[in-house]
């Protein structure tokens, strides 16, 4: 049970944090570039906008993953999810000849 909890807390948040940081950095750089457009190359502004769009996509994907995990936990429960995880883990260990 604790293994799944730690995996969800550590892995799910790992993607959303850097993508949110990337979004805020790109957004801040775009504001700076738009305020002083004469000192920025057009290709640089396009690159910043592309970085912002990619960061938005990454945030949305991470949110969708979190929603899916919450849905799966809500529908099947922690215990059944843990039992299935351990069964697959043991099967994988036996397939590798380690158990």
N, C-alpha and C. Protein backbone atom coordinates (compact mmCIF):
# COMPACT_ATOMS: atom_id res chain seq x y z
N UNK A 1 0.82 -1.19 0.00
CA UNK A 1 0.00 0.00 0.00
C UNK A 1 0.87 1.26 0.00
N UNK A 2 1.89 1.25 0.82
CA UNK A 2 2.75 2.43 0.89
C UNK A 2 3.56 2.62 -0.38
N UNK A 3 3.90 1.52 -1.04
CA UNK A 3 4.66 1.59 -2.28
C UNK A 3 3.88 2.34 -3.36
N UNK A 4 2.60 2.05 -3.49
CA UNK A 4 1.77 2.73 -4.49
C UNK A 4 1.62 4.20 -4.13
N UNK A 5 1.40 4.48 -2.86
CA UNK A 5 1.25 5.87 -2.42
C UNK A 5 2.49 6.69 -2.76
N UNK A 6 3.66 6.14 -2.47
CA UNK A 6 4.90 6.85 -2.77
C UNK A 6 5.12 6.99 -4.27
N UNK A 7 4.78 5.97 -5.03
CA UNK A 7 4.94 6.04 -6.48
C UNK A 7 4.04 7.13 -7.06
N UNK A 8 2.80 7.19 -6.60
CA UNK A 8 1.88 8.19 -7.12
C UNK A 8 2.33 9.59 -6.73
N UNK A 9 2.69 9.77 -5.47
CA UNK A 9 3.10 11.11 -5.02
C UNK A 9 4.38 11.57 -5.69
N UNK A 10 5.32 10.67 -5.84
CA UNK A 10 6.61 11.08 -6.40
C UNK A 10 6.57 11.19 -7.92
N UNK A 11 5.96 10.25 -8.60
CA UNK A 11 6.01 10.23 -10.05
C UNK A 11 5.05 11.23 -10.69
N UNK A 12 3.86 11.35 -10.16
CA UNK A 12 2.89 12.23 -10.79
C UNK A 12 3.27 13.70 -10.65
N UNK A 13 3.74 14.07 -9.50
CA UNK A 13 4.10 15.46 -9.29
C UNK A 13 5.42 15.81 -9.97
N UNK A 14 6.20 14.81 -10.28
CA UNK A 14 7.50 15.08 -10.90
C UNK A 14 7.34 15.71 -12.28
N UNK A 15 6.29 15.38 -12.99
CA UNK A 15 6.10 15.94 -14.32
C UNK A 15 5.42 17.30 -14.31
N UNK A 16 4.52 17.49 -13.37
CA UNK A 16 3.75 18.72 -13.37
C UNK A 16 4.58 19.91 -12.85
N UNK A 17 5.50 19.65 -11.95
CA UNK A 17 6.29 20.75 -11.39
C UNK A 17 7.21 21.37 -12.44
N UNK A 18 8.05 20.60 -13.15
CA UNK A 18 8.90 21.25 -14.15
C UNK A 18 8.12 21.86 -15.30
N UNK A 19 7.00 21.23 -15.68
CA UNK A 19 6.24 21.81 -16.78
C UNK A 19 5.58 23.12 -16.37
N UNK A 20 5.13 23.21 -15.13
CA UNK A 20 4.56 24.47 -14.65
C UNK A 20 5.64 25.54 -14.54
N UNK A 21 6.81 25.17 -14.08
CA UNK A 21 7.93 26.12 -14.01
C UNK A 21 8.30 26.60 -15.41
N UNK A 22 8.36 25.67 -16.37
CA UNK A 22 8.69 26.04 -17.75
C UNK A 22 7.66 27.00 -18.31
N UNK A 23 6.38 26.76 -18.00
CA UNK A 23 5.34 27.67 -18.48
C UNK A 23 5.54 29.08 -17.92
N UNK A 24 5.77 29.19 -16.63
CA UNK A 24 5.92 30.51 -16.02
C UNK A 24 7.18 31.23 -16.51
N UNK A 25 8.25 30.50 -16.74
CA UNK A 25 9.47 31.11 -17.28
C UNK A 25 9.22 31.61 -18.70
N UNK A 26 8.60 30.78 -19.53
CA UNK A 26 8.32 31.18 -20.91
C UNK A 26 7.36 32.37 -20.95
N UNK A 27 6.34 32.35 -20.10
CA UNK A 27 5.38 33.45 -20.06
C UNK A 27 6.06 34.75 -19.62
N UNK A 28 6.93 34.67 -18.62
CA UNK A 28 7.66 35.85 -18.16
C UNK A 28 8.59 36.39 -19.24
N UNK A 29 9.28 35.49 -19.93
CA UNK A 29 10.18 35.92 -21.01
C UNK A 29 9.41 36.54 -22.17
N UNK A 30 8.23 36.01 -22.47
CA UNK A 30 7.41 36.60 -23.53
C UNK A 30 6.94 38.00 -23.16
N UNK A 31 6.56 38.20 -21.90
CA UNK A 31 6.16 39.54 -21.45
C UNK A 31 7.32 40.52 -21.56
N UNK A 32 8.50 40.07 -21.16
CA UNK A 32 9.68 40.92 -21.26
C UNK A 32 9.99 41.25 -22.72
N UNK A 33 9.90 40.26 -23.58
CA UNK A 33 10.20 40.47 -25.00
C UNK A 33 9.17 41.38 -25.65
N UNK A 34 7.91 41.23 -25.30
CA UNK A 34 6.88 42.09 -25.89
C UNK A 34 6.97 43.53 -25.39
N UNK A 35 7.48 43.71 -24.18
CA UNK A 35 7.64 45.06 -23.66
C UNK A 35 8.80 45.80 -24.33
N UNK A 36 9.81 45.04 -24.76
CA UNK A 36 10.99 45.64 -25.40
C UNK A 36 11.29 44.88 -26.69
N UNK A 37 10.34 44.90 -27.60
CA UNK A 37 10.39 44.07 -28.81
C UNK A 37 11.57 44.43 -29.73
N UNK A 38 12.07 45.65 -29.65
CA UNK A 38 13.16 46.06 -30.53
C UNK A 38 14.47 45.34 -30.22
N UNK A 39 14.65 44.90 -29.00
CA UNK A 39 15.89 44.22 -28.60
C UNK A 39 15.83 42.70 -28.74
N UNK A 40 14.73 42.19 -29.28
CA UNK A 40 14.57 40.74 -29.43
C UNK A 40 14.39 40.38 -30.89
N UNK A 41 15.02 39.29 -31.27
CA UNK A 41 14.88 38.76 -32.62
C UNK A 41 13.52 38.07 -32.74
N UNK A 42 12.93 38.13 -33.93
CA UNK A 42 11.61 37.51 -34.14
C UNK A 42 11.67 36.01 -33.89
N UNK A 43 12.75 35.37 -34.29
CA UNK A 43 12.87 33.92 -34.09
C UNK A 43 12.96 33.58 -32.60
N UNK A 44 13.56 34.46 -31.80
CA UNK A 44 13.63 34.23 -30.35
C UNK A 44 12.25 34.30 -29.72
N UNK A 45 11.45 35.26 -30.16
CA UNK A 45 10.09 35.39 -29.63
C UNK A 45 9.26 34.18 -30.04
N UNK A 46 9.44 33.72 -31.28
CA UNK A 46 8.72 32.52 -31.72
C UNK A 46 9.14 31.30 -30.90
N UNK A 47 10.42 31.19 -30.60
CA UNK A 47 10.91 30.07 -29.78
C UNK A 47 10.33 30.13 -28.37
N UNK A 48 10.24 31.33 -27.81
CA UNK A 48 9.64 31.47 -26.48
C UNK A 48 8.16 31.09 -26.50
N UNK A 49 7.46 31.47 -27.54
CA UNK A 49 6.05 31.11 -27.66
C UNK A 49 5.88 29.60 -27.82
N UNK A 50 6.76 28.99 -28.60
CA UNK A 50 6.72 27.53 -28.76
C UNK A 50 6.99 26.84 -27.42
N UNK A 51 7.95 27.35 -26.66
CA UNK A 51 8.24 26.77 -25.34
C UNK A 51 7.04 26.89 -24.42
N UNK A 52 6.34 28.01 -24.49
CA UNK A 52 5.14 28.21 -23.67
C UNK A 52 4.05 27.21 -24.05
N UNK A 53 3.85 27.00 -25.35
CA UNK A 53 2.83 26.06 -25.82
C UNK A 53 3.17 24.63 -25.39
N UNK A 54 4.42 24.24 -25.52
CA UNK A 54 4.84 22.90 -25.12
C UNK A 54 4.65 22.72 -23.61
N UNK A 55 4.96 23.76 -22.84
CA UNK A 55 4.76 23.68 -21.39
C UNK A 55 3.28 23.53 -21.05
N UNK A 56 2.41 24.23 -21.77
CA UNK A 56 0.96 24.10 -21.54
C UNK A 56 0.51 22.68 -21.84
N UNK A 57 0.99 22.12 -22.93
CA UNK A 57 0.62 20.74 -23.29
C UNK A 57 1.10 19.77 -22.20
N UNK A 58 2.31 19.98 -21.71
CA UNK A 58 2.84 19.10 -20.66
C UNK A 58 2.02 19.20 -19.38
N UNK A 59 1.63 20.41 -19.00
CA UNK A 59 0.80 20.59 -17.80
C UNK A 59 -0.55 19.88 -17.99
N UNK A 60 -1.16 20.06 -19.14
CA UNK A 60 -2.46 19.43 -19.40
C UNK A 60 -2.34 17.91 -19.35
N UNK A 61 -1.31 17.36 -19.96
CA UNK A 61 -1.12 15.90 -19.93
C UNK A 61 -0.92 15.40 -18.51
N UNK A 62 -0.14 16.13 -17.71
CA UNK A 62 0.07 15.72 -16.32
C UNK A 62 -1.22 15.79 -15.52
N UNK A 63 -2.03 16.80 -15.75
CA UNK A 63 -3.31 16.90 -15.06
C UNK A 63 -4.22 15.75 -15.46
N UNK A 64 -4.23 15.40 -16.74
CA UNK A 64 -5.04 14.27 -17.19
C UNK A 64 -4.59 12.96 -16.55
N UNK A 65 -3.29 12.78 -16.41
CA UNK A 65 -2.76 11.58 -15.76
C UNK A 65 -3.20 11.53 -14.30
N UNK A 66 -3.12 12.66 -13.62
CA UNK A 66 -3.55 12.71 -12.22
C UNK A 66 -5.03 12.38 -12.10
N UNK A 67 -5.84 12.94 -12.99
CA UNK A 67 -7.28 12.66 -12.97
C UNK A 67 -7.53 11.17 -13.20
N UNK A 68 -6.80 10.58 -14.14
CA UNK A 68 -6.98 9.15 -14.42
C UNK A 68 -6.61 8.30 -13.21
N UNK A 69 -5.50 8.62 -12.56
CA UNK A 69 -5.09 7.85 -11.39
C UNK A 69 -6.11 7.98 -10.26
N UNK A 70 -6.61 9.18 -10.05
CA UNK A 70 -7.64 9.38 -9.02
C UNK A 70 -8.88 8.58 -9.37
N UNK A 71 -9.27 8.58 -10.64
CA UNK A 71 -10.43 7.81 -11.08
C UNK A 71 -10.23 6.32 -10.85
N UNK A 72 -9.06 5.80 -11.22
CA UNK A 72 -8.79 4.38 -11.04
C UNK A 72 -8.81 4.02 -9.57
N UNK A 73 -8.21 4.83 -8.74
CA UNK A 73 -8.21 4.55 -7.30
C UNK A 73 -9.63 4.61 -6.75
N UNK A 74 -10.41 5.57 -7.23
CA UNK A 74 -11.79 5.71 -6.73
C UNK A 74 -12.67 4.55 -7.17
N UNK A 75 -12.43 4.00 -8.34
CA UNK A 75 -13.30 2.94 -8.84
C UNK A 75 -12.90 1.55 -8.36
N UNK A 76 -11.61 1.25 -8.30
CA UNK A 76 -11.21 -0.10 -7.88
C UNK A 76 -10.69 -0.15 -6.45
N UNK A 77 -10.26 0.96 -5.90
CA UNK A 77 -9.79 0.99 -4.52
C UNK A 77 -8.31 0.69 -4.39
N UNK A 78 -7.77 1.09 -3.24
CA UNK A 78 -6.34 0.92 -2.97
C UNK A 78 -5.95 -0.54 -2.88
N UNK A 79 -6.75 -1.32 -2.16
CA UNK A 79 -6.36 -2.71 -1.89
C UNK A 79 -6.27 -3.54 -3.16
N UNK A 80 -7.27 -3.43 -4.01
CA UNK A 80 -7.25 -4.19 -5.26
C UNK A 80 -6.12 -3.71 -6.18
N UNK A 81 -5.88 -2.42 -6.19
CA UNK A 81 -4.80 -1.87 -7.01
C UNK A 81 -3.44 -2.38 -6.50
N UNK A 82 -3.27 -2.41 -5.20
CA UNK A 82 -2.03 -2.90 -4.61
C UNK A 82 -1.84 -4.39 -4.90
N UNK A 83 -2.92 -5.16 -4.73
CA UNK A 83 -2.83 -6.60 -5.01
C UNK A 83 -2.45 -6.86 -6.46
N UNK A 84 -3.04 -6.14 -7.39
CA UNK A 84 -2.72 -6.28 -8.81
C UNK A 84 -1.28 -5.89 -9.10
N UNK A 85 -0.83 -4.81 -8.47
CA UNK A 85 0.56 -4.37 -8.65
C UNK A 85 1.53 -5.44 -8.16
N UNK A 86 1.26 -5.98 -6.97
CA UNK A 86 2.16 -6.98 -6.42
C UNK A 86 2.14 -8.26 -7.26
N UNK A 87 0.99 -8.64 -7.78
CA UNK A 87 0.90 -9.82 -8.64
C UNK A 87 1.75 -9.63 -9.90
N UNK A 88 1.62 -8.47 -10.53
CA UNK A 88 2.41 -8.20 -11.73
C UNK A 88 3.90 -8.11 -11.41
N UNK A 89 4.24 -7.55 -10.26
CA UNK A 89 5.64 -7.46 -9.84
C UNK A 89 6.23 -8.85 -9.64
N UNK A 90 5.50 -9.71 -8.96
CA UNK A 90 5.98 -11.08 -8.72
C UNK A 90 6.09 -11.85 -10.03
N UNK A 91 5.14 -11.67 -10.92
CA UNK A 91 5.21 -12.33 -12.23
C UNK A 91 6.44 -11.87 -13.00
N UNK A 92 6.72 -10.58 -12.96
CA UNK A 92 7.90 -10.05 -13.65
C UNK A 92 9.18 -10.59 -13.03
N UNK A 93 9.23 -10.70 -11.71
CA UNK A 93 10.41 -11.22 -11.05
C UNK A 93 10.62 -12.71 -11.40
N UNK A 94 9.52 -13.46 -11.47
CA UNK A 94 9.64 -14.87 -11.83
C UNK A 94 10.07 -15.03 -13.28
N UNK A 95 9.58 -14.15 -14.14
CA UNK A 95 9.96 -14.21 -15.56
C UNK A 95 11.45 -13.93 -15.74
N UNK A 96 12.02 -13.13 -14.86
CA UNK A 96 13.45 -12.84 -14.93
C UNK A 96 14.29 -13.84 -14.16
N UNK A 97 13.62 -14.75 -13.46
CA UNK A 97 14.33 -15.78 -12.71
C UNK A 97 14.90 -15.29 -11.40
N UNK A 98 14.35 -14.22 -10.85
CA UNK A 98 14.88 -13.67 -9.60
C UNK A 98 14.09 -14.09 -8.38
N UNK A 99 12.97 -14.75 -8.57
CA UNK A 99 12.17 -15.12 -7.40
C UNK A 99 12.10 -16.61 -7.25
